[in-house]
Amino acid sequence: MPKGKKAIGENMIIPLRCFSCGKPIGHLYEEFKQRVEAGEPAKKVMDEFGLERYCCRTLFLGHVDLVDMAGQFKKF
């Protein structure tokens, strides 16, 4: 892999299961992110994944990758 490039999902910290209902969702995030960045509506992608509950959908819509930002801080 070229220097400075990251693998897809390398900086992803999404829960493996929904906090509220316990449905496994972690394996869906990489494909969700790729499809949304390609221009597909998030609603359509989540419907195709079978994410019907608002608790699961909220995790996908509200997720922000902050690992790069946290990595800038000094380690003790």
N, C-alpha and C. Protein backbone atom coordinates (compact mmCIF):
# COMPACT_ATOMS: atom_id res chain seq x y z
N MET A 1 0.85 -1.18 0.00
CA MET A 1 0.00 0.00 0.00
C MET A 1 0.89 1.24 0.00
N PRO A 2 0.59 2.25 -0.83
CA PRO A 2 1.41 3.45 -0.89
C PRO A 2 1.42 4.19 0.45
N LYS A 3 2.55 4.87 0.71
CA LYS A 3 2.70 5.61 1.96
C LYS A 3 1.63 6.70 2.04
N GLY A 4 1.04 6.83 3.20
CA GLY A 4 0.02 7.85 3.40
C GLY A 4 -1.39 7.38 3.07
N LYS A 5 -1.51 6.24 2.39
CA LYS A 5 -2.83 5.70 2.04
C LYS A 5 -3.28 4.77 3.15
N LYS A 6 -4.57 4.74 3.39
CA LYS A 6 -5.13 3.86 4.41
C LYS A 6 -6.07 2.86 3.74
N ALA A 7 -6.09 1.68 4.27
CA ALA A 7 -7.03 0.68 3.79
C ALA A 7 -8.43 1.10 4.19
N ILE A 8 -9.40 0.68 3.43
CA ILE A 8 -10.79 1.02 3.74
C ILE A 8 -11.14 0.44 5.10
N GLY A 9 -11.70 1.26 5.95
CA GLY A 9 -12.10 0.81 7.27
C GLY A 9 -10.96 0.76 8.28
N GLU A 10 -9.78 1.18 7.91
CA GLU A 10 -8.64 1.11 8.82
C GLU A 10 -8.84 1.99 10.04
N ASN A 11 -9.50 3.12 9.87
CA ASN A 11 -9.71 4.02 10.99
C ASN A 11 -11.15 4.00 11.50
N MET A 12 -11.82 2.92 11.25
CA MET A 12 -13.22 2.79 11.61
C MET A 12 -13.38 2.28 13.03
N ILE A 13 -14.17 2.93 13.81
CA ILE A 13 -14.54 2.42 15.13
C ILE A 13 -16.05 2.50 15.21
N ILE A 14 -16.72 1.51 14.68
CA ILE A 14 -18.18 1.43 14.74
C ILE A 14 -18.49 0.23 15.62
N PRO A 15 -19.51 0.30 16.44
CA PRO A 15 -19.84 -0.84 17.30
C PRO A 15 -20.16 -2.09 16.49
N LEU A 16 -19.80 -3.24 17.00
CA LEU A 16 -20.12 -4.49 16.32
C LEU A 16 -21.61 -4.80 16.39
N ARG A 17 -22.23 -4.40 17.47
CA ARG A 17 -23.66 -4.60 17.66
C ARG A 17 -24.32 -3.28 18.03
N CYS A 18 -25.59 -3.18 17.68
CA CYS A 18 -26.37 -2.00 18.04
C CYS A 18 -26.46 -1.92 19.56
N PHE A 19 -26.29 -0.72 20.12
CA PHE A 19 -26.33 -0.54 21.56
C PHE A 19 -27.71 -0.84 22.14
N SER A 20 -28.76 -0.56 21.38
CA SER A 20 -30.12 -0.70 21.90
C SER A 20 -30.70 -2.09 21.72
N CYS A 21 -30.64 -2.61 20.48
CA CYS A 21 -31.32 -3.87 20.19
C CYS A 21 -30.38 -5.07 20.09
N GLY A 22 -29.08 -4.84 19.95
CA GLY A 22 -28.13 -5.93 19.90
C GLY A 22 -27.92 -6.56 18.53
N LYS A 23 -28.51 -5.99 17.49
CA LYS A 23 -28.36 -6.54 16.14
C LYS A 23 -26.92 -6.34 15.66
N PRO A 24 -26.29 -7.36 15.05
CA PRO A 24 -24.94 -7.20 14.51
C PRO A 24 -24.95 -6.23 13.32
N ILE A 25 -24.13 -5.17 13.42
CA ILE A 25 -24.12 -4.17 12.35
C ILE A 25 -22.71 -3.80 11.90
N GLY A 26 -21.70 -4.16 12.65
CA GLY A 26 -20.33 -3.74 12.37
C GLY A 26 -19.83 -4.17 11.00
N HIS A 27 -20.25 -5.33 10.52
CA HIS A 27 -19.79 -5.84 9.24
C HIS A 27 -20.39 -5.09 8.04
N LEU A 28 -21.39 -4.27 8.27
CA LEU A 28 -22.07 -3.56 7.18
C LEU A 28 -21.49 -2.17 6.91
N TYR A 29 -20.72 -1.63 7.85
CA TYR A 29 -20.33 -0.23 7.75
C TYR A 29 -19.42 0.08 6.56
N GLU A 30 -18.46 -0.76 6.27
CA GLU A 30 -17.53 -0.47 5.17
C GLU A 30 -18.27 -0.35 3.84
N GLU A 31 -19.16 -1.31 3.58
CA GLU A 31 -19.93 -1.26 2.32
C GLU A 31 -20.86 -0.06 2.32
N PHE A 32 -21.47 0.24 3.47
CA PHE A 32 -22.35 1.41 3.58
C PHE A 32 -21.58 2.69 3.21
N LYS A 33 -20.39 2.83 3.79
CA LYS A 33 -19.59 4.03 3.56
C LYS A 33 -19.20 4.16 2.08
N GLN A 34 -18.80 3.06 1.46
CA GLN A 34 -18.41 3.07 0.05
C GLN A 34 -19.58 3.46 -0.83
N ARG A 35 -20.73 2.87 -0.57
CA ARG A 35 -21.90 3.14 -1.42
C ARG A 35 -22.41 4.56 -1.28
N VAL A 36 -22.39 5.09 -0.05
CA VAL A 36 -22.84 6.47 0.17
C VAL A 36 -21.87 7.45 -0.47
N GLU A 37 -20.57 7.18 -0.36
CA GLU A 37 -19.57 8.05 -1.00
C GLU A 37 -19.68 8.00 -2.52
N ALA A 38 -20.19 6.88 -3.05
CA ALA A 38 -20.38 6.74 -4.50
C ALA A 38 -21.63 7.47 -4.98
N GLY A 39 -22.46 7.95 -4.04
CA GLY A 39 -23.61 8.76 -4.43
C GLY A 39 -24.97 8.14 -4.17
N GLU A 40 -25.03 6.94 -3.64
CA GLU A 40 -26.32 6.32 -3.34
C GLU A 40 -26.92 6.97 -2.09
N PRO A 41 -28.24 7.10 -2.04
CA PRO A 41 -28.87 7.65 -0.84
C PRO A 41 -28.70 6.69 0.34
N ALA A 42 -28.42 7.24 1.51
CA ALA A 42 -28.20 6.43 2.70
C ALA A 42 -29.44 5.60 3.04
N LYS A 43 -30.62 6.17 2.81
CA LYS A 43 -31.86 5.46 3.11
C LYS A 43 -31.97 4.18 2.30
N LYS A 44 -31.66 4.26 1.03
CA LYS A 44 -31.75 3.10 0.15
C LYS A 44 -30.77 2.01 0.59
N VAL A 45 -29.56 2.41 0.91
CA VAL A 45 -28.53 1.44 1.32
C VAL A 45 -28.95 0.75 2.62
N MET A 46 -29.42 1.51 3.60
CA MET A 46 -29.84 0.91 4.86
C MET A 46 -31.05 0.01 4.69
N ASP A 47 -31.97 0.38 3.82
CA ASP A 47 -33.13 -0.48 3.54
C ASP A 47 -32.68 -1.81 2.93
N GLU A 48 -31.71 -1.77 2.03
CA GLU A 48 -31.21 -2.99 1.41
C GLU A 48 -30.47 -3.87 2.41
N PHE A 49 -29.83 -3.27 3.40
CA PHE A 49 -29.13 -4.03 4.44
C PHE A 49 -30.11 -4.63 5.45
N GLY A 50 -31.35 -4.18 5.44
CA GLY A 50 -32.33 -4.68 6.40
C GLY A 50 -32.29 -3.95 7.72
N LEU A 51 -31.72 -2.76 7.73
CA LEU A 51 -31.70 -1.95 8.95
C LEU A 51 -33.00 -1.18 9.04
N GLU A 52 -33.95 -1.73 9.78
CA GLU A 52 -35.29 -1.13 9.86
C GLU A 52 -35.48 -0.32 11.13
N ARG A 53 -34.79 -0.68 12.18
CA ARG A 53 -34.97 0.00 13.46
C ARG A 53 -34.22 1.33 13.48
N TYR A 54 -34.82 2.31 14.09
CA TYR A 54 -34.19 3.63 14.14
C TYR A 54 -32.91 3.62 14.94
N CYS A 55 -32.79 2.70 15.91
CA CYS A 55 -31.57 2.67 16.72
C CYS A 55 -30.36 2.26 15.88
N CYS A 56 -30.53 1.29 14.99
CA CYS A 56 -29.43 0.85 14.13
C CYS A 56 -29.11 1.91 13.08
N ARG A 57 -30.13 2.51 12.52
CA ARG A 57 -29.93 3.53 11.48
C ARG A 57 -29.21 4.74 12.06
N THR A 58 -29.51 5.08 13.31
CA THR A 58 -28.87 6.21 13.96
C THR A 58 -27.37 6.01 14.10
N LEU A 59 -26.95 4.79 14.39
CA LEU A 59 -25.52 4.51 14.52
C LEU A 59 -24.78 4.76 13.21
N PHE A 60 -25.40 4.42 12.10
CA PHE A 60 -24.76 4.62 10.80
C PHE A 60 -24.76 6.10 10.41
N LEU A 61 -25.87 6.78 10.63
CA LEU A 61 -25.97 8.18 10.22
C LEU A 61 -25.19 9.12 11.13
N GLY A 62 -25.05 8.75 12.39
CA GLY A 62 -24.40 9.63 13.35
C GLY A 62 -22.92 9.33 13.57
N HIS A 63 -22.40 8.31 12.91
CA HIS A 63 -21.01 7.92 13.13
C HIS A 63 -20.05 8.91 12.47
N VAL A 64 -19.02 9.32 13.23
CA VAL A 64 -17.98 10.21 12.73
C VAL A 64 -16.64 9.57 13.05
N ASP A 65 -15.77 9.42 12.04
CA ASP A 65 -14.44 8.85 12.27
C ASP A 65 -13.55 9.90 12.92
N LEU A 66 -13.22 9.70 14.19
CA LEU A 66 -12.38 10.63 14.92
C LEU A 66 -11.04 10.03 15.32
N VAL A 67 -10.72 8.85 14.82
CA VAL A 67 -9.49 8.18 15.21
C VAL A 67 -8.27 8.99 14.79
N ASP A 68 -8.27 9.55 13.60
CA ASP A 68 -7.13 10.36 13.15
C ASP A 68 -6.91 11.56 14.05
N MET A 69 -8.00 12.18 14.46
CA MET A 69 -7.91 13.35 15.32
C MET A 69 -7.37 12.96 16.70
N ALA A 70 -7.85 11.86 17.24
CA ALA A 70 -7.40 11.41 18.56
C ALA A 70 -5.95 10.95 18.51
N GLY A 71 -5.50 10.46 17.38
CA GLY A 71 -4.14 9.99 17.24
C GLY A 71 -3.09 11.09 17.27
N GLN A 72 -3.50 12.33 17.13
CA GLN A 72 -2.57 13.46 17.15
C GLN A 72 -2.11 13.83 18.56
N PHE A 73 -2.83 13.36 19.58
CA PHE A 73 -2.49 13.71 20.94
C PHE A 73 -1.32 12.91 21.45
N LYS A 74 -0.60 13.49 22.36
CA LYS A 74 0.61 12.87 22.91
C LYS A 74 0.24 11.63 23.72
N LYS A 75 1.01 10.57 23.51
CA LYS A 75 0.81 9.35 24.26
C LYS A 75 1.70 9.36 25.49
N PHE A 76 1.19 8.85 26.59
CA PHE A 76 1.95 8.82 27.83
C PHE A 76 2.60 7.48 28.02
